[in-house]
């Protein structure tokens, strides 16, 4: 298992890694979950991405899905991040604490529209909300997406339809099994890749 922060530390740029690990890699939150407006952009994203480029990080971004118009969300995500073929792209499917929550149908529409625009399926980040929304039924569209499982527990339990996870966020820095702390940063979100660093680099961005 390769914790996601440790794989970045391999480059030998520890101070740079500490600077970016929490705020930059996977940093875009273009529909800010703390904001009531439907279109919000992490203003630091472009700057972090530019500064990180010389260090050959494995880069990615995510879109926090909401209950607003799906086509607008897809367009905004792509225009904000302008991802290339080597960047991970991800739909974050979880309850929205400050507005309408994306439904399973909307998530499916997002994936279809995104694939139509880019030729790629996004990684799907989800946990209990994904499991509850599926209701025990396999979804033929969403299961085309590599799974980034969110589950703060000692053992990953997959949603119906997936036979493996690609990434597993096992802690938010407080709940879930250790390790929780990254040197120079402290408690933070941590994820695992089921494989070696070489395999991670070969498979990234998974779609």
N, C-alpha and C. Protein backbone atom coordinates (compact mmCIF):
# COMPACT_ATOMS: atom_id res chain seq x y z
N UNK A 1 0.84 -1.19 0.00
CA UNK A 1 0.00 0.00 0.00
C UNK A 1 0.88 1.25 0.00
N UNK A 2 0.56 2.21 -0.81
CA UNK A 2 1.34 3.44 -0.89
C UNK A 2 0.48 4.61 -0.45
N UNK A 3 0.69 5.17 0.77
CA UNK A 3 -0.05 6.37 1.14
C UNK A 3 0.26 7.49 0.17
N UNK A 4 -0.75 8.30 -0.18
CA UNK A 4 -0.58 9.26 -1.28
C UNK A 4 0.44 10.31 -0.95
N UNK A 5 0.61 10.72 0.30
CA UNK A 5 1.60 11.72 0.62
C UNK A 5 3.01 11.14 0.52
N UNK A 6 3.19 9.87 0.86
CA UNK A 6 4.50 9.27 0.81
C UNK A 6 5.00 9.11 -0.62
N UNK A 7 4.14 8.85 -1.54
CA UNK A 7 4.58 8.70 -2.91
C UNK A 7 5.10 10.01 -3.46
N UNK A 8 4.62 11.13 -2.96
CA UNK A 8 5.15 12.41 -3.42
C UNK A 8 6.51 12.69 -2.78
N UNK A 9 6.73 12.19 -1.57
CA UNK A 9 7.99 12.45 -0.89
C UNK A 9 9.17 11.77 -1.56
N UNK A 10 8.93 10.81 -2.43
CA UNK A 10 10.01 10.07 -3.05
C UNK A 10 10.91 10.94 -3.89
N UNK A 11 10.43 12.11 -4.30
CA UNK A 11 11.21 12.95 -5.20
C UNK A 11 12.38 13.62 -4.50
N UNK A 12 12.40 13.57 -3.18
CA UNK A 12 13.51 14.17 -2.47
C UNK A 12 13.36 15.66 -2.27
N UNK A 13 12.19 16.21 -2.55
CA UNK A 13 11.94 17.64 -2.34
C UNK A 13 10.98 17.76 -1.16
N UNK A 14 11.47 17.42 0.04
CA UNK A 14 10.56 17.30 1.17
C UNK A 14 9.86 18.60 1.49
N UNK A 15 10.61 19.72 1.43
CA UNK A 15 9.98 20.99 1.77
C UNK A 15 8.91 21.35 0.77
N UNK A 16 9.16 21.05 -0.50
CA UNK A 16 8.15 21.31 -1.52
C UNK A 16 6.96 20.39 -1.32
N UNK A 17 7.23 19.12 -1.03
CA UNK A 17 6.15 18.16 -0.79
C UNK A 17 5.27 18.63 0.35
N UNK A 18 5.86 19.06 1.45
CA UNK A 18 5.09 19.52 2.59
C UNK A 18 4.24 20.73 2.22
N UNK A 19 4.75 21.56 1.36
CA UNK A 19 4.01 22.76 0.96
C UNK A 19 2.77 22.40 0.16
N UNK A 20 2.90 21.37 -0.69
CA UNK A 20 1.81 21.06 -1.61
C UNK A 20 0.89 19.94 -1.17
N UNK A 21 1.34 19.08 -0.27
CA UNK A 21 0.60 17.86 -0.02
C UNK A 21 -0.84 18.10 0.41
N UNK A 22 -1.06 19.11 1.22
CA UNK A 22 -2.40 19.30 1.77
C UNK A 22 -3.23 20.26 0.94
N UNK A 23 -2.57 21.25 0.31
CA UNK A 23 -3.31 22.32 -0.33
C UNK A 23 -3.34 22.24 -1.84
N UNK A 24 -2.41 21.51 -2.45
CA UNK A 24 -2.29 21.60 -3.88
C UNK A 24 -2.67 20.32 -4.61
N UNK A 25 -2.04 19.23 -4.31
CA UNK A 25 -2.36 18.01 -5.03
C UNK A 25 -3.76 17.58 -4.64
N UNK A 26 -4.61 17.38 -5.64
CA UNK A 26 -6.05 17.19 -5.45
C UNK A 26 -6.69 18.43 -4.85
N UNK A 27 -6.22 19.63 -5.22
CA UNK A 27 -6.62 20.82 -4.47
C UNK A 27 -7.83 21.53 -5.03
N UNK A 28 -8.18 21.32 -6.28
CA UNK A 28 -9.27 22.14 -6.80
C UNK A 28 -10.59 21.72 -6.15
N UNK A 29 -11.30 22.71 -5.67
CA UNK A 29 -12.63 22.48 -5.11
C UNK A 29 -13.52 23.52 -5.79
N UNK A 30 -13.77 23.31 -7.09
CA UNK A 30 -14.31 24.39 -7.90
C UNK A 30 -15.76 24.70 -7.58
N UNK A 31 -16.48 23.80 -6.93
CA UNK A 31 -17.78 24.14 -6.36
C UNK A 31 -17.57 24.05 -4.86
N UNK A 32 -17.10 25.14 -4.28
CA UNK A 32 -16.66 25.13 -2.88
C UNK A 32 -17.78 24.71 -1.97
N UNK A 33 -17.58 23.67 -1.21
CA UNK A 33 -18.64 23.12 -0.36
C UNK A 33 -19.02 24.06 0.77
N UNK A 34 -18.22 25.08 1.00
CA UNK A 34 -18.53 26.02 2.07
C UNK A 34 -19.25 27.26 1.56
N UNK A 35 -19.48 27.32 0.28
CA UNK A 35 -20.05 28.53 -0.30
C UNK A 35 -21.44 28.27 -0.84
N UNK A 36 -22.36 29.23 -0.66
CA UNK A 36 -23.71 29.03 -1.16
C UNK A 36 -23.85 29.20 -2.65
N UNK A 37 -22.93 29.92 -3.28
CA UNK A 37 -23.03 30.14 -4.71
C UNK A 37 -22.64 28.87 -5.45
N UNK A 38 -23.26 28.61 -6.62
CA UNK A 38 -23.01 27.36 -7.32
C UNK A 38 -21.66 27.29 -8.00
N UNK A 39 -21.01 28.42 -8.24
CA UNK A 39 -19.73 28.42 -8.94
C UNK A 39 -18.69 29.10 -8.06
N UNK A 40 -17.80 28.32 -7.51
CA UNK A 40 -16.71 28.82 -6.69
C UNK A 40 -15.44 28.10 -7.11
N UNK A 41 -14.34 28.82 -7.14
CA UNK A 41 -13.07 28.26 -7.58
C UNK A 41 -12.04 28.44 -6.47
N UNK A 42 -11.25 27.41 -6.23
CA UNK A 42 -10.11 27.54 -5.34
C UNK A 42 -9.10 28.45 -6.05
N UNK A 43 -8.96 29.67 -5.55
CA UNK A 43 -8.13 30.67 -6.22
C UNK A 43 -6.66 30.30 -6.22
N UNK A 44 -6.25 29.37 -5.36
CA UNK A 44 -4.84 28.99 -5.29
C UNK A 44 -4.47 27.88 -6.26
N UNK A 45 -5.47 27.28 -6.91
CA UNK A 45 -5.21 26.07 -7.70
C UNK A 45 -4.22 26.31 -8.83
N UNK A 46 -4.47 27.30 -9.65
CA UNK A 46 -3.60 27.53 -10.82
C UNK A 46 -2.18 27.84 -10.40
N UNK A 47 -2.03 28.62 -9.35
CA UNK A 47 -0.69 28.97 -8.88
C UNK A 47 0.07 27.77 -8.35
N UNK A 48 -0.61 26.94 -7.56
CA UNK A 48 0.03 25.73 -7.05
C UNK A 48 0.43 24.80 -8.19
N UNK A 49 -0.46 24.66 -9.15
CA UNK A 49 -0.18 23.76 -10.27
C UNK A 49 1.05 24.22 -11.05
N UNK A 50 1.15 25.50 -11.28
CA UNK A 50 2.29 26.04 -12.03
C UNK A 50 3.58 25.86 -11.25
N UNK A 51 3.54 26.14 -9.96
CA UNK A 51 4.74 26.03 -9.14
C UNK A 51 5.18 24.59 -8.97
N UNK A 52 4.23 23.66 -8.92
CA UNK A 52 4.54 22.25 -8.72
C UNK A 52 5.07 21.57 -9.97
N UNK A 53 4.81 22.16 -11.12
CA UNK A 53 5.11 21.49 -12.40
C UNK A 53 6.56 20.99 -12.51
N UNK A 54 7.57 21.74 -12.09
CA UNK A 54 8.94 21.26 -12.27
C UNK A 54 9.29 20.02 -11.45
N UNK A 55 8.48 19.67 -10.48
CA UNK A 55 8.82 18.60 -9.56
C UNK A 55 8.22 17.26 -9.96
N UNK A 56 7.53 17.21 -11.09
CA UNK A 56 7.03 15.94 -11.63
C UNK A 56 6.09 15.23 -10.67
N UNK A 57 5.26 16.00 -9.95
CA UNK A 57 4.25 15.39 -9.12
C UNK A 57 3.19 14.69 -9.97
N UNK A 58 2.57 13.68 -9.39
CA UNK A 58 1.37 13.12 -10.00
C UNK A 58 0.23 14.06 -9.63
N UNK A 59 -0.35 14.70 -10.63
CA UNK A 59 -1.28 15.80 -10.37
C UNK A 59 -2.72 15.37 -10.65
N UNK A 60 -3.63 15.95 -9.90
CA UNK A 60 -5.04 15.69 -10.16
C UNK A 60 -5.92 16.78 -9.59
N UNK A 61 -7.18 16.72 -9.95
CA UNK A 61 -8.16 17.68 -9.45
C UNK A 61 -9.46 16.95 -9.20
N UNK A 62 -10.34 17.56 -8.42
CA UNK A 62 -11.65 16.95 -8.21
C UNK A 62 -12.73 18.00 -8.28
N UNK A 63 -13.90 17.55 -8.64
CA UNK A 63 -15.08 18.40 -8.67
C UNK A 63 -16.06 17.93 -7.60
N UNK A 64 -16.45 18.83 -6.70
CA UNK A 64 -17.44 18.49 -5.68
C UNK A 64 -18.83 18.64 -6.28
N UNK A 65 -19.48 17.52 -6.51
CA UNK A 65 -20.79 17.54 -7.17
C UNK A 65 -21.87 18.16 -6.30
N UNK A 66 -22.77 18.89 -6.93
CA UNK A 66 -23.91 19.49 -6.24
C UNK A 66 -25.19 19.15 -7.02
N UNK A 67 -26.30 19.62 -6.49
CA UNK A 67 -27.57 19.37 -7.14
C UNK A 67 -27.92 20.37 -8.22
N UNK A 68 -26.99 21.21 -8.62
CA UNK A 68 -27.26 22.19 -9.67
C UNK A 68 -27.15 21.54 -11.05
N UNK A 69 -27.32 22.34 -12.11
CA UNK A 69 -27.36 21.81 -13.47
C UNK A 69 -26.07 21.07 -13.80
N UNK A 70 -26.19 19.85 -14.26
CA UNK A 70 -25.02 19.01 -14.48
C UNK A 70 -24.16 19.52 -15.62
N UNK A 71 -24.76 19.96 -16.71
CA UNK A 71 -23.96 20.42 -17.83
C UNK A 71 -23.13 21.64 -17.46
N UNK A 72 -23.67 22.50 -16.61
CA UNK A 72 -22.92 23.67 -16.14
C UNK A 72 -21.75 23.23 -15.27
N UNK A 73 -21.97 22.22 -14.45
CA UNK A 73 -20.90 21.72 -13.59
C UNK A 73 -19.76 21.12 -14.41
N UNK A 74 -20.09 20.33 -15.41
CA UNK A 74 -19.06 19.72 -16.24
C UNK A 74 -18.26 20.79 -16.97
N UNK A 75 -18.95 21.74 -17.55
CA UNK A 75 -18.27 22.81 -18.29
C UNK A 75 -17.37 23.62 -17.37
N UNK A 76 -17.87 23.92 -16.17
CA UNK A 76 -17.08 24.72 -15.25
C UNK A 76 -15.84 23.98 -14.78
N UNK A 77 -15.99 22.69 -14.49
CA UNK A 77 -14.84 21.90 -14.05
C UNK A 77 -13.76 21.87 -15.13
N UNK A 78 -14.16 21.61 -16.37
CA UNK A 78 -13.18 21.50 -17.44
C UNK A 78 -12.54 22.85 -17.76
N UNK A 79 -13.33 23.90 -17.76
CA UNK A 79 -12.77 25.22 -18.07
C UNK A 79 -11.87 25.73 -16.95
N UNK A 80 -12.15 25.31 -15.72
CA UNK A 80 -11.34 25.75 -14.59
C UNK A 80 -10.01 25.02 -14.53
N UNK A 81 -10.03 23.71 -14.72
CA UNK A 81 -8.81 22.91 -14.55
C UNK A 81 -8.05 22.67 -15.84
N UNK A 82 -8.76 22.65 -16.97
CA UNK A 82 -8.14 22.37 -18.27
C UNK A 82 -7.18 21.19 -18.16
N UNK A 83 -7.67 20.03 -17.77
CA UNK A 83 -6.76 18.90 -17.49
C UNK A 83 -6.17 18.30 -18.76
N UNK A 84 -4.91 17.88 -18.65
CA UNK A 84 -4.32 17.13 -19.76
C UNK A 84 -4.50 15.63 -19.49
N UNK A 85 -4.00 14.82 -20.41
CA UNK A 85 -4.24 13.38 -20.33
C UNK A 85 -3.47 12.71 -19.20
N UNK A 86 -2.55 13.44 -18.57
CA UNK A 86 -1.73 12.86 -17.52
C UNK A 86 -2.20 13.27 -16.13
N UNK A 87 -3.31 14.01 -16.06
CA UNK A 87 -3.84 14.47 -14.78
C UNK A 87 -5.05 13.65 -14.38
N UNK A 88 -5.12 13.30 -13.11
CA UNK A 88 -6.29 12.63 -12.60
C UNK A 88 -7.45 13.61 -12.55
N UNK A 89 -8.62 13.13 -12.97
CA UNK A 89 -9.86 13.92 -12.87
C UNK A 89 -10.86 13.11 -12.06
N UNK A 90 -11.67 13.78 -11.25
CA UNK A 90 -12.45 13.07 -10.26
C UNK A 90 -13.76 13.78 -9.97
N UNK A 91 -14.83 13.02 -9.83
CA UNK A 91 -16.11 13.51 -9.33
C UNK A 91 -16.24 13.11 -7.88
N UNK A 92 -16.40 14.10 -7.01
CA UNK A 92 -16.58 13.89 -5.58
C UNK A 92 -18.08 13.82 -5.30
N UNK A 93 -18.55 12.61 -4.99
CA UNK A 93 -19.98 12.37 -4.82
C UNK A 93 -20.26 12.12 -3.34
N UNK A 94 -20.72 13.14 -2.66
CA UNK A 94 -21.04 13.05 -1.24
C UNK A 94 -22.06 14.13 -0.89
N UNK A 95 -22.67 14.05 0.29
CA UNK A 95 -23.69 15.04 0.65
C UNK A 95 -23.12 16.45 0.69
N UNK A 96 -23.93 17.39 0.22
CA UNK A 96 -23.56 18.80 0.22
C UNK A 96 -24.16 19.46 1.46
N UNK A 97 -23.35 19.92 2.41
CA UNK A 97 -23.89 20.46 3.65
C UNK A 97 -24.47 21.86 3.52
N UNK A 98 -24.28 22.49 2.37
CA UNK A 98 -24.71 23.88 2.22
C UNK A 98 -25.56 24.12 0.99
N UNK A 99 -26.25 23.10 0.54
CA UNK A 99 -27.08 23.28 -0.65
C UNK A 99 -27.57 21.93 -1.12
N UNK A 100 -28.17 21.90 -2.32
CA UNK A 100 -28.70 20.64 -2.84
C UNK A 100 -27.59 19.63 -3.12
N UNK A 101 -27.85 18.39 -2.79
CA UNK A 101 -26.88 17.32 -2.98
C UNK A 101 -27.08 16.66 -4.33
N UNK A 102 -25.99 16.30 -4.97
CA UNK A 102 -26.05 15.60 -6.25
C UNK A 102 -26.73 14.24 -6.06
N UNK A 103 -27.67 13.92 -6.94
CA UNK A 103 -28.33 12.63 -6.90
C UNK A 103 -27.54 11.61 -7.72
N UNK A 104 -27.93 10.36 -7.60
CA UNK A 104 -27.27 9.31 -8.38
C UNK A 104 -27.50 9.53 -9.87
N UNK A 105 -28.69 9.94 -10.25
CA UNK A 105 -28.97 10.23 -11.66
C UNK A 105 -28.10 11.36 -12.16
N UNK A 106 -27.91 12.39 -11.35
CA UNK A 106 -27.05 13.50 -11.75
C UNK A 106 -25.60 13.06 -11.85
N UNK A 107 -25.17 12.20 -10.94
CA UNK A 107 -23.80 11.69 -11.02
C UNK A 107 -23.60 10.90 -12.32
N UNK A 108 -24.59 10.12 -12.66
CA UNK A 108 -24.53 9.35 -13.90
C UNK A 108 -24.48 10.30 -15.11
N UNK A 109 -25.30 11.33 -15.10
CA UNK A 109 -25.28 12.31 -16.19
C UNK A 109 -23.93 13.02 -16.27
N UNK A 110 -23.38 13.34 -15.12
CA UNK A 110 -22.07 14.00 -15.09
C UNK A 110 -21.02 13.13 -15.76
N UNK A 111 -21.00 11.85 -15.40
CA UNK A 111 -20.01 10.93 -15.95
C UNK A 111 -20.17 10.79 -17.46
N UNK A 112 -21.40 10.67 -17.92
CA UNK A 112 -21.66 10.52 -19.35
C UNK A 112 -21.23 11.77 -20.11
N UNK A 113 -21.60 12.94 -19.61
CA UNK A 113 -21.23 14.19 -20.27
C UNK A 113 -19.73 14.40 -20.24
N UNK A 114 -19.11 14.07 -19.12
CA UNK A 114 -17.67 14.24 -19.00
C UNK A 114 -16.94 13.32 -19.98
N UNK A 115 -17.39 12.09 -20.07
CA UNK A 115 -16.76 11.15 -20.99
C UNK A 115 -16.96 11.59 -22.44
N UNK A 116 -18.12 12.14 -22.73
CA UNK A 116 -18.40 12.62 -24.07
C UNK A 116 -17.49 13.78 -24.44
N UNK A 117 -17.22 14.66 -23.48
CA UNK A 117 -16.38 15.83 -23.73
C UNK A 117 -14.90 15.49 -23.79
N UNK A 118 -14.46 14.51 -23.01
CA UNK A 118 -13.02 14.28 -22.86
C UNK A 118 -12.54 12.94 -23.39
N UNK A 119 -13.46 11.98 -23.58
CA UNK A 119 -13.05 10.64 -23.95
C UNK A 119 -12.55 9.83 -22.77
N UNK A 120 -12.72 10.35 -21.55
CA UNK A 120 -12.25 9.69 -20.34
C UNK A 120 -13.39 9.62 -19.32
N UNK A 121 -13.34 8.57 -18.51
CA UNK A 121 -14.23 8.51 -17.36
C UNK A 121 -13.50 9.10 -16.16
N UNK A 122 -14.16 9.90 -15.36
CA UNK A 122 -13.50 10.41 -14.17
C UNK A 122 -13.39 9.33 -13.10
N UNK A 123 -12.43 9.49 -12.22
CA UNK A 123 -12.42 8.72 -10.98
C UNK A 123 -13.65 9.13 -10.18
N UNK A 124 -14.26 8.20 -9.48
CA UNK A 124 -15.42 8.52 -8.65
C UNK A 124 -15.04 8.38 -7.18
N UNK A 125 -15.14 9.50 -6.44
CA UNK A 125 -14.88 9.50 -5.01
C UNK A 125 -16.20 9.38 -4.27
N UNK A 126 -16.31 8.39 -3.39
CA UNK A 126 -17.56 8.24 -2.66
C UNK A 126 -17.42 7.24 -1.53
N UNK A 127 -18.39 7.33 -0.63
CA UNK A 127 -18.42 6.44 0.52
C UNK A 127 -19.83 6.04 0.86
N UNK A 128 -20.29 6.44 2.05
CA UNK A 128 -21.61 5.98 2.49
C UNK A 128 -22.73 6.52 1.62
N UNK A 129 -22.61 7.75 1.11
CA UNK A 129 -23.66 8.32 0.28
C UNK A 129 -23.78 7.55 -1.04
N UNK A 130 -22.65 7.15 -1.59
CA UNK A 130 -22.66 6.35 -2.81
C UNK A 130 -23.32 5.00 -2.54
N UNK A 131 -22.96 4.36 -1.43
CA UNK A 131 -23.53 3.06 -1.10
C UNK A 131 -25.04 3.16 -0.87
N UNK A 132 -25.47 4.18 -0.14
CA UNK A 132 -26.90 4.35 0.12
C UNK A 132 -27.66 4.66 -1.17
N UNK A 133 -27.08 5.49 -2.02
CA UNK A 133 -27.77 5.88 -3.25
C UNK A 133 -27.91 4.71 -4.21
N UNK A 134 -26.94 3.83 -4.23
CA UNK A 134 -27.01 2.66 -5.11
C UNK A 134 -28.11 1.70 -4.67
N UNK A 135 -28.37 1.65 -3.38
CA UNK A 135 -29.45 0.81 -2.87
C UNK A 135 -29.28 -0.67 -3.21
N UNK A 136 -28.04 -1.13 -3.26
CA UNK A 136 -27.80 -2.53 -3.56
C UNK A 136 -27.86 -2.89 -5.02
N UNK A 137 -27.99 -1.90 -5.90
CA UNK A 137 -28.10 -2.15 -7.35
C UNK A 137 -26.81 -1.73 -8.05
N UNK A 138 -26.32 -2.56 -8.94
CA UNK A 138 -25.13 -2.24 -9.72
C UNK A 138 -25.48 -1.17 -10.75
N UNK A 139 -24.66 -0.14 -10.84
CA UNK A 139 -24.86 0.92 -11.82
C UNK A 139 -23.87 0.73 -12.96
N UNK A 140 -24.38 0.46 -14.16
CA UNK A 140 -23.53 0.12 -15.30
C UNK A 140 -22.71 1.31 -15.79
N UNK A 141 -23.13 2.53 -15.49
CA UNK A 141 -22.38 3.72 -15.89
C UNK A 141 -21.31 4.06 -14.87
N UNK A 142 -21.69 4.18 -13.62
CA UNK A 142 -20.75 4.62 -12.59
C UNK A 142 -19.63 3.62 -12.36
N UNK A 143 -19.92 2.34 -12.55
CA UNK A 143 -18.87 1.33 -12.34
C UNK A 143 -17.80 1.36 -13.43
N UNK A 144 -17.98 2.16 -14.45
CA UNK A 144 -16.92 2.38 -15.43
C UNK A 144 -15.83 3.28 -14.86
N UNK A 145 -16.14 3.97 -13.76
CA UNK A 145 -15.21 4.90 -13.14
C UNK A 145 -14.34 4.17 -12.10
N UNK A 146 -13.04 4.40 -12.11
CA UNK A 146 -12.21 3.88 -11.02
C UNK A 146 -12.71 4.45 -9.69
N UNK A 147 -12.68 3.64 -8.66
CA UNK A 147 -13.25 4.03 -7.37
C UNK A 147 -12.18 4.58 -6.43
N UNK A 148 -12.46 5.78 -5.91
CA UNK A 148 -11.69 6.35 -4.81
C UNK A 148 -12.60 6.25 -3.60
N UNK A 149 -12.40 5.23 -2.81
CA UNK A 149 -13.28 4.93 -1.69
C UNK A 149 -12.99 5.82 -0.50
N UNK A 150 -14.04 6.39 0.08
CA UNK A 150 -13.94 7.16 1.32
C UNK A 150 -14.55 6.32 2.43
N UNK A 151 -13.68 5.84 3.32
CA UNK A 151 -14.17 5.04 4.45
C UNK A 151 -13.14 5.06 5.55
N UNK A 152 -13.51 5.68 6.66
CA UNK A 152 -12.58 5.81 7.77
C UNK A 152 -12.72 4.62 8.71
N UNK A 153 -12.16 3.52 8.32
CA UNK A 153 -12.26 2.30 9.10
C UNK A 153 -11.07 1.41 8.81
N UNK A 154 -10.94 0.31 9.55
CA UNK A 154 -9.76 -0.55 9.39
C UNK A 154 -9.78 -1.41 8.14
N UNK A 155 -10.95 -1.52 7.51
CA UNK A 155 -11.09 -2.41 6.37
C UNK A 155 -11.99 -1.77 5.32
N UNK A 156 -11.56 -1.72 4.05
CA UNK A 156 -12.41 -1.13 3.01
C UNK A 156 -13.59 -2.04 2.68
N UNK A 157 -14.77 -1.46 2.63
CA UNK A 157 -15.99 -2.17 2.22
C UNK A 157 -16.48 -1.51 0.94
N UNK A 158 -16.47 -2.25 -0.16
CA UNK A 158 -16.74 -1.67 -1.47
C UNK A 158 -18.22 -1.48 -1.71
N UNK A 159 -18.60 -0.44 -2.46
CA UNK A 159 -19.98 -0.32 -2.93
C UNK A 159 -20.28 -1.45 -3.91
N UNK A 160 -21.55 -1.81 -4.02
CA UNK A 160 -21.94 -2.86 -4.94
C UNK A 160 -21.54 -2.47 -6.37
N UNK A 161 -20.97 -3.43 -7.09
CA UNK A 161 -20.59 -3.20 -8.47
C UNK A 161 -19.10 -3.07 -8.70
N UNK A 162 -18.34 -2.70 -7.66
CA UNK A 162 -16.90 -2.60 -7.78
C UNK A 162 -16.25 -3.81 -7.14
N UNK A 163 -15.21 -4.35 -7.75
CA UNK A 163 -14.49 -5.49 -7.20
C UNK A 163 -13.19 -5.07 -6.51
N UNK A 164 -12.81 -3.80 -6.68
CA UNK A 164 -11.60 -3.30 -6.04
C UNK A 164 -11.68 -1.79 -5.96
N UNK A 165 -10.90 -1.20 -5.08
CA UNK A 165 -10.74 0.25 -5.05
C UNK A 165 -9.45 0.61 -5.76
N UNK A 166 -9.40 1.79 -6.31
CA UNK A 166 -8.17 2.32 -6.89
C UNK A 166 -7.41 3.12 -5.85
N UNK A 167 -8.11 3.98 -5.15
CA UNK A 167 -7.56 4.72 -4.01
C UNK A 167 -8.53 4.55 -2.85
N UNK A 168 -8.00 4.57 -1.64
CA UNK A 168 -8.83 4.44 -0.44
C UNK A 168 -8.44 5.53 0.55
N UNK A 169 -9.33 6.50 0.75
CA UNK A 169 -9.10 7.48 1.81
C UNK A 169 -9.54 6.84 3.13
N UNK A 170 -8.56 6.51 3.94
CA UNK A 170 -8.84 5.76 5.16
C UNK A 170 -8.93 6.63 6.40
N UNK A 171 -8.55 7.91 6.28
CA UNK A 171 -8.62 8.82 7.41
C UNK A 171 -8.77 10.25 6.94
N UNK A 172 -9.37 11.08 7.81
CA UNK A 172 -9.41 12.51 7.57
C UNK A 172 -8.40 13.23 8.45
N UNK A 173 -7.52 12.46 9.05
CA UNK A 173 -6.53 13.01 9.95
C UNK A 173 -6.90 12.84 11.41
N UNK A 174 -8.14 12.41 11.65
CA UNK A 174 -8.61 12.19 13.01
C UNK A 174 -9.27 10.82 13.14
N UNK A 175 -10.33 10.62 12.37
CA UNK A 175 -11.00 9.33 12.37
C UNK A 175 -10.30 8.38 11.41
N UNK A 176 -10.46 7.08 11.68
CA UNK A 176 -9.86 6.08 10.83
C UNK A 176 -8.53 5.60 11.37
N UNK A 177 -8.00 4.53 10.77
CA UNK A 177 -6.75 3.94 11.26
C UNK A 177 -5.54 4.84 10.99
N UNK A 178 -4.50 4.71 11.79
CA UNK A 178 -3.27 5.47 11.53
C UNK A 178 -2.53 4.87 10.33
N UNK A 179 -1.57 5.63 9.79
CA UNK A 179 -1.08 6.94 10.26
C UNK A 179 -2.00 8.09 9.86
N UNK A 180 -2.06 9.11 10.73
CA UNK A 180 -2.88 10.29 10.49
C UNK A 180 -2.05 11.52 10.12
N UNK A 181 -0.80 11.53 10.52
CA UNK A 181 0.02 12.74 10.48
C UNK A 181 1.04 12.65 9.35
N UNK A 182 1.23 13.77 8.67
CA UNK A 182 2.30 13.93 7.69
C UNK A 182 3.30 14.91 8.26
N UNK A 183 4.56 14.55 8.23
CA UNK A 183 5.61 15.40 8.78
C UNK A 183 5.58 16.79 8.17
N UNK A 184 5.59 17.79 9.03
CA UNK A 184 5.58 19.17 8.57
C UNK A 184 4.21 19.73 8.30
N UNK A 185 3.19 18.86 8.35
CA UNK A 185 1.83 19.29 8.06
C UNK A 185 0.90 19.00 9.23
N UNK A 186 1.04 17.81 9.80
CA UNK A 186 0.16 17.41 10.89
C UNK A 186 -0.95 16.52 10.38
N UNK A 187 -2.04 16.39 11.14
CA UNK A 187 -3.16 15.55 10.73
C UNK A 187 -3.79 16.05 9.43
N UNK A 188 -4.06 15.15 8.51
CA UNK A 188 -4.68 15.55 7.25
C UNK A 188 -5.30 14.33 6.58
N UNK A 189 -6.06 14.57 5.53
CA UNK A 189 -6.61 13.48 4.73
C UNK A 189 -5.46 12.62 4.19
N UNK A 190 -5.63 11.31 4.27
CA UNK A 190 -4.64 10.41 3.70
C UNK A 190 -5.34 9.28 2.96
N UNK A 191 -4.75 8.89 1.84
CA UNK A 191 -5.30 7.81 1.01
C UNK A 191 -4.23 6.79 0.70
N UNK A 192 -4.66 5.59 0.36
CA UNK A 192 -3.75 4.53 -0.03
C UNK A 192 -4.02 4.11 -1.47
N UNK A 193 -2.94 3.75 -2.14
CA UNK A 193 -3.01 3.09 -3.43
C UNK A 193 -2.61 1.64 -3.22
N UNK A 194 -3.38 0.72 -3.78
CA UNK A 194 -3.12 -0.70 -3.57
C UNK A 194 -2.08 -1.17 -4.57
N UNK A 195 -0.82 -0.91 -4.25
CA UNK A 195 0.25 -1.30 -5.14
C UNK A 195 1.54 -0.60 -4.78
N UNK A 196 2.53 -0.72 -5.65
CA UNK A 196 3.84 -0.11 -5.43
C UNK A 196 3.89 1.27 -6.06
N UNK A 197 4.95 2.02 -5.73
CA UNK A 197 5.14 3.33 -6.34
C UNK A 197 5.28 3.20 -7.85
N UNK A 198 6.02 2.19 -8.30
CA UNK A 198 6.20 1.99 -9.74
C UNK A 198 4.85 1.71 -10.41
N UNK A 199 4.02 0.92 -9.77
CA UNK A 199 2.69 0.63 -10.32
C UNK A 199 1.81 1.87 -10.33
N UNK A 200 1.93 2.67 -9.29
CA UNK A 200 1.16 3.91 -9.23
C UNK A 200 1.52 4.82 -10.39
N UNK A 201 2.80 4.98 -10.62
CA UNK A 201 3.23 5.86 -11.71
C UNK A 201 2.80 5.32 -13.07
N UNK A 202 2.80 4.02 -13.21
CA UNK A 202 2.41 3.42 -14.47
C UNK A 202 0.92 3.58 -14.73
N UNK A 203 0.11 3.44 -13.69
CA UNK A 203 -1.34 3.47 -13.84
C UNK A 203 -1.94 4.88 -13.80
N UNK A 204 -1.26 5.81 -13.18
CA UNK A 204 -1.78 7.17 -13.08
C UNK A 204 -2.01 7.75 -14.46
N UNK A 205 -3.12 8.42 -14.72
CA UNK A 205 -4.19 8.89 -13.84
C UNK A 205 -5.40 7.95 -13.80
N UNK A 206 -5.20 6.68 -14.14
CA UNK A 206 -6.21 5.61 -14.00
C UNK A 206 -7.26 5.59 -15.10
N UNK A 207 -7.40 6.65 -15.88
CA UNK A 207 -8.36 6.66 -16.99
C UNK A 207 -7.72 7.31 -18.21
